[in-house]
N, C-alpha and C. Protein backbone atom coordinates (compact mmCIF):
# COMPACT_ATOMS: atom_id res chain seq x y z
N MET A 1 14.82 16.16 -15.41
CA MET A 1 14.65 15.57 -14.10
C MET A 1 14.92 14.07 -14.19
N GLN A 2 15.64 13.56 -13.20
CA GLN A 2 15.97 12.13 -13.14
C GLN A 2 14.72 11.34 -12.75
N CYS A 3 14.35 10.35 -13.55
CA CYS A 3 13.15 9.54 -13.27
C CYS A 3 13.50 8.07 -13.10
N ASP A 4 14.70 7.77 -12.67
CA ASP A 4 15.14 6.39 -12.48
C ASP A 4 14.68 5.90 -11.10
N LEU A 5 13.60 5.11 -11.08
CA LEU A 5 13.03 4.65 -9.82
C LEU A 5 13.92 3.66 -9.08
N ALA A 6 14.98 3.18 -9.72
CA ALA A 6 15.94 2.33 -9.03
C ALA A 6 16.84 3.15 -8.11
N SER A 7 16.93 4.45 -8.38
CA SER A 7 17.84 5.28 -7.58
C SER A 7 17.14 6.44 -6.86
N ILE A 8 15.85 6.65 -7.11
CA ILE A 8 15.14 7.74 -6.44
C ILE A 8 13.79 7.21 -5.95
N ASP A 9 13.42 7.58 -4.76
CA ASP A 9 12.13 7.18 -4.19
C ASP A 9 10.98 7.78 -4.99
N VAL A 10 9.97 6.99 -5.27
CA VAL A 10 8.85 7.46 -6.09
C VAL A 10 8.15 8.67 -5.47
N TYR A 11 8.08 8.74 -4.15
CA TYR A 11 7.41 9.87 -3.53
C TYR A 11 8.26 11.14 -3.56
N VAL A 12 9.57 11.00 -3.58
CA VAL A 12 10.45 12.15 -3.79
C VAL A 12 10.23 12.69 -5.19
N LEU A 13 10.17 11.78 -6.15
CA LEU A 13 9.93 12.17 -7.54
C LEU A 13 8.58 12.86 -7.70
N LEU A 14 7.54 12.28 -7.11
CA LEU A 14 6.22 12.91 -7.18
C LEU A 14 6.23 14.29 -6.53
N GLY A 15 6.92 14.41 -5.41
CA GLY A 15 7.02 15.70 -4.74
C GLY A 15 7.67 16.74 -5.62
N GLN A 16 8.71 16.34 -6.34
CA GLN A 16 9.39 17.26 -7.25
C GLN A 16 8.50 17.62 -8.44
N LEU A 17 7.84 16.62 -9.00
CA LEU A 17 6.98 16.86 -10.17
C LEU A 17 5.76 17.71 -9.84
N LEU A 18 5.20 17.51 -8.65
CA LEU A 18 3.97 18.20 -8.26
C LEU A 18 4.22 19.42 -7.39
N ASP A 19 5.49 19.66 -7.04
CA ASP A 19 5.85 20.74 -6.12
C ASP A 19 5.02 20.65 -4.85
N ASP A 20 4.97 19.45 -4.30
CA ASP A 20 4.15 19.15 -3.13
C ASP A 20 4.77 17.92 -2.46
N ASP A 21 4.86 17.90 -1.16
CA ASP A 21 5.44 16.77 -0.45
C ASP A 21 4.37 15.76 -0.05
N LEU A 22 4.81 14.53 0.16
CA LEU A 22 3.89 13.49 0.63
C LEU A 22 3.39 13.88 2.01
N GLY A 23 2.08 13.83 2.18
CA GLY A 23 1.49 14.19 3.46
C GLY A 23 1.21 12.99 4.33
N HIS A 24 0.45 12.05 3.82
CA HIS A 24 0.11 10.87 4.61
C HIS A 24 -0.41 9.77 3.70
N ALA A 25 -0.50 8.58 4.27
CA ALA A 25 -1.09 7.45 3.57
C ALA A 25 -2.06 6.78 4.52
N ASP A 26 -3.17 6.33 4.00
CA ASP A 26 -4.17 5.59 4.77
C ASP A 26 -4.08 4.13 4.37
N PHE A 27 -4.08 3.26 5.38
CA PHE A 27 -4.05 1.81 5.16
C PHE A 27 -5.30 1.21 5.78
N LEU A 28 -5.95 0.34 5.04
CA LEU A 28 -7.05 -0.45 5.55
C LEU A 28 -6.64 -1.91 5.38
N ILE A 29 -6.61 -2.66 6.46
CA ILE A 29 -6.21 -4.07 6.41
C ILE A 29 -7.44 -4.91 6.73
N GLU A 30 -7.79 -5.78 5.79
CA GLU A 30 -9.00 -6.60 5.92
C GLU A 30 -8.68 -8.07 5.67
N VAL A 31 -9.43 -8.92 6.28
CA VAL A 31 -9.40 -10.34 5.94
C VAL A 31 -10.55 -10.56 4.97
N SER A 32 -10.24 -11.13 3.82
CA SER A 32 -11.28 -11.32 2.81
C SER A 32 -11.00 -12.58 2.01
N LYS A 33 -11.82 -12.81 1.04
CA LYS A 33 -11.62 -13.90 0.09
C LYS A 33 -11.32 -13.26 -1.26
N ALA A 34 -10.19 -13.63 -1.82
CA ALA A 34 -9.75 -13.03 -3.08
C ALA A 34 -10.19 -13.88 -4.26
N ASN A 35 -10.00 -13.33 -5.42
CA ASN A 35 -10.38 -14.07 -6.63
C ASN A 35 -9.37 -15.18 -6.91
N ASP A 36 -9.68 -16.00 -7.90
CA ASP A 36 -8.85 -17.16 -8.23
C ASP A 36 -7.41 -16.78 -8.55
N GLU A 37 -7.22 -15.66 -9.24
CA GLU A 37 -5.87 -15.23 -9.62
C GLU A 37 -5.01 -14.97 -8.39
N VAL A 38 -5.58 -14.34 -7.39
CA VAL A 38 -4.83 -14.05 -6.16
C VAL A 38 -4.50 -15.34 -5.41
N TYR A 39 -5.45 -16.26 -5.29
CA TYR A 39 -5.18 -17.52 -4.62
C TYR A 39 -4.06 -18.29 -5.31
N ARG A 40 -4.11 -18.35 -6.62
CA ARG A 40 -3.06 -19.06 -7.35
C ARG A 40 -1.71 -18.40 -7.14
N ALA A 41 -1.65 -17.08 -7.22
CA ALA A 41 -0.39 -16.35 -7.06
C ALA A 41 0.21 -16.55 -5.67
N LEU A 42 -0.64 -16.69 -4.66
CA LEU A 42 -0.17 -16.85 -3.29
C LEU A 42 -0.01 -18.31 -2.86
N GLY A 43 -0.35 -19.24 -3.77
CA GLY A 43 -0.22 -20.66 -3.45
C GLY A 43 -1.20 -21.10 -2.38
N MET A 44 -2.41 -20.58 -2.43
CA MET A 44 -3.43 -20.87 -1.43
C MET A 44 -4.57 -21.65 -2.07
N ALA A 45 -5.37 -22.26 -1.22
CA ALA A 45 -6.55 -22.98 -1.71
C ALA A 45 -7.73 -22.02 -1.76
N GLU A 46 -8.61 -22.25 -2.71
CA GLU A 46 -9.82 -21.43 -2.80
C GLU A 46 -10.60 -21.55 -1.49
N GLY A 47 -11.06 -20.42 -1.00
CA GLY A 47 -11.80 -20.40 0.25
C GLY A 47 -10.95 -20.01 1.45
N ASP A 48 -9.61 -20.08 1.31
CA ASP A 48 -8.74 -19.64 2.40
C ASP A 48 -8.86 -18.13 2.58
N ALA A 49 -8.67 -17.68 3.79
CA ALA A 49 -8.69 -16.24 4.07
C ALA A 49 -7.41 -15.61 3.55
N VAL A 50 -7.53 -14.41 3.04
CA VAL A 50 -6.39 -13.66 2.53
C VAL A 50 -6.45 -12.25 3.13
N LEU A 51 -5.27 -11.66 3.36
CA LEU A 51 -5.24 -10.27 3.81
C LEU A 51 -5.23 -9.35 2.60
N ARG A 52 -6.08 -8.34 2.64
CA ARG A 52 -6.08 -7.33 1.58
C ARG A 52 -5.79 -5.99 2.23
N VAL A 53 -4.70 -5.37 1.79
CA VAL A 53 -4.34 -4.05 2.27
C VAL A 53 -4.72 -3.05 1.18
N THR A 54 -5.54 -2.09 1.55
CA THR A 54 -5.90 -0.99 0.65
C THR A 54 -5.10 0.21 1.09
N ARG A 55 -4.32 0.78 0.19
CA ARG A 55 -3.44 1.89 0.53
C ARG A 55 -3.77 3.07 -0.37
N SER A 56 -3.96 4.23 0.25
CA SER A 56 -4.18 5.48 -0.47
C SER A 56 -3.19 6.50 0.08
N ALA A 57 -2.42 7.13 -0.80
CA ALA A 57 -1.44 8.13 -0.39
C ALA A 57 -1.86 9.50 -0.90
N TYR A 58 -1.59 10.52 -0.07
CA TYR A 58 -2.00 11.89 -0.36
C TYR A 58 -0.83 12.84 -0.16
N MET A 59 -0.78 13.86 -0.98
CA MET A 59 0.22 14.90 -0.82
C MET A 59 -0.22 15.86 0.28
N MET A 60 0.68 16.74 0.71
CA MET A 60 0.37 17.71 1.77
C MET A 60 -0.85 18.57 1.40
N SER A 61 -1.02 18.82 0.12
CA SER A 61 -2.15 19.62 -0.35
C SER A 61 -3.47 18.87 -0.29
N GLY A 62 -3.41 17.55 -0.03
CA GLY A 62 -4.60 16.73 -0.02
C GLY A 62 -4.85 15.99 -1.32
N LYS A 63 -4.04 16.25 -2.34
CA LYS A 63 -4.21 15.56 -3.63
C LYS A 63 -3.87 14.08 -3.47
N PRO A 64 -4.75 13.19 -3.93
CA PRO A 64 -4.42 11.76 -3.92
C PRO A 64 -3.39 11.47 -5.00
N VAL A 65 -2.38 10.63 -4.68
CA VAL A 65 -1.34 10.33 -5.66
C VAL A 65 -1.11 8.83 -5.86
N ASP A 66 -1.68 8.01 -5.01
CA ASP A 66 -1.44 6.58 -5.14
C ASP A 66 -2.60 5.82 -4.52
N PHE A 67 -3.02 4.76 -5.20
CA PHE A 67 -4.05 3.86 -4.68
C PHE A 67 -3.67 2.46 -5.11
N GLU A 68 -3.70 1.53 -4.17
CA GLU A 68 -3.35 0.16 -4.53
C GLU A 68 -3.96 -0.84 -3.57
N TYR A 69 -4.14 -2.06 -4.07
CA TYR A 69 -4.49 -3.21 -3.26
C TYR A 69 -3.25 -4.09 -3.20
N VAL A 70 -2.94 -4.59 -2.02
CA VAL A 70 -1.86 -5.54 -1.83
C VAL A 70 -2.45 -6.75 -1.11
N TYR A 71 -2.23 -7.92 -1.67
CA TYR A 71 -2.76 -9.15 -1.07
C TYR A 71 -1.62 -9.94 -0.45
N GLY A 72 -1.91 -10.61 0.66
CA GLY A 72 -0.90 -11.43 1.30
C GLY A 72 -1.52 -12.57 2.08
N ARG A 73 -0.69 -13.56 2.35
CA ARG A 73 -1.12 -14.70 3.16
C ARG A 73 -1.15 -14.26 4.62
N PRO A 74 -2.19 -14.60 5.35
CA PRO A 74 -2.25 -14.21 6.76
C PRO A 74 -1.11 -14.78 7.60
N ASP A 75 -0.56 -15.93 7.18
CA ASP A 75 0.53 -16.53 7.95
C ASP A 75 1.89 -15.89 7.65
N SER A 76 1.92 -14.85 6.83
CA SER A 76 3.20 -14.21 6.50
C SER A 76 3.27 -12.76 6.97
N TYR A 77 2.33 -12.32 7.77
CA TYR A 77 2.29 -10.94 8.22
C TYR A 77 2.38 -10.85 9.73
N SER A 78 2.98 -9.78 10.20
CA SER A 78 2.89 -9.37 11.60
C SER A 78 2.70 -7.86 11.58
N PHE A 79 2.02 -7.33 12.56
CA PHE A 79 1.70 -5.92 12.60
C PHE A 79 2.19 -5.30 13.89
N LYS A 80 2.73 -4.13 13.78
CA LYS A 80 3.15 -3.35 14.94
C LYS A 80 2.57 -1.96 14.77
N VAL A 81 1.89 -1.49 15.79
CA VAL A 81 1.22 -0.17 15.71
C VAL A 81 1.69 0.66 16.89
N ARG A 82 2.10 1.89 16.60
CA ARG A 82 2.42 2.85 17.66
C ARG A 82 1.26 3.83 17.75
N VAL A 83 0.74 3.99 18.95
CA VAL A 83 -0.38 4.90 19.17
C VAL A 83 0.12 6.02 20.06
N PRO A 84 0.32 7.21 19.48
CA PRO A 84 0.81 8.32 20.30
C PRO A 84 -0.27 8.84 21.24
N ARG A 85 0.17 9.35 22.35
CA ARG A 85 -0.75 9.97 23.29
C ARG A 85 -0.88 11.43 22.88
N TRP A 86 -2.04 11.83 22.44
CA TRP A 86 -2.22 13.20 21.93
C TRP A 86 -2.83 14.05 22.92
């Protein structure tokens, strides 16, 4: 099986390896204060607010396959949300 992540999407690869397709991902976006390492990496001053995105991805079977924190400067994000009428 080809495992070159430069040419294949990681979730396609996981789907092939697990015989299960990606079902959904949950995102939690919070304003928080990060540790010193995050402030330095983002070029921010200690005490500045930082966005922390918590992402969890699940396969169709419900198996969790990915968990990560992503930090960003609040002045570098914009959000667009589509809310379907169910």
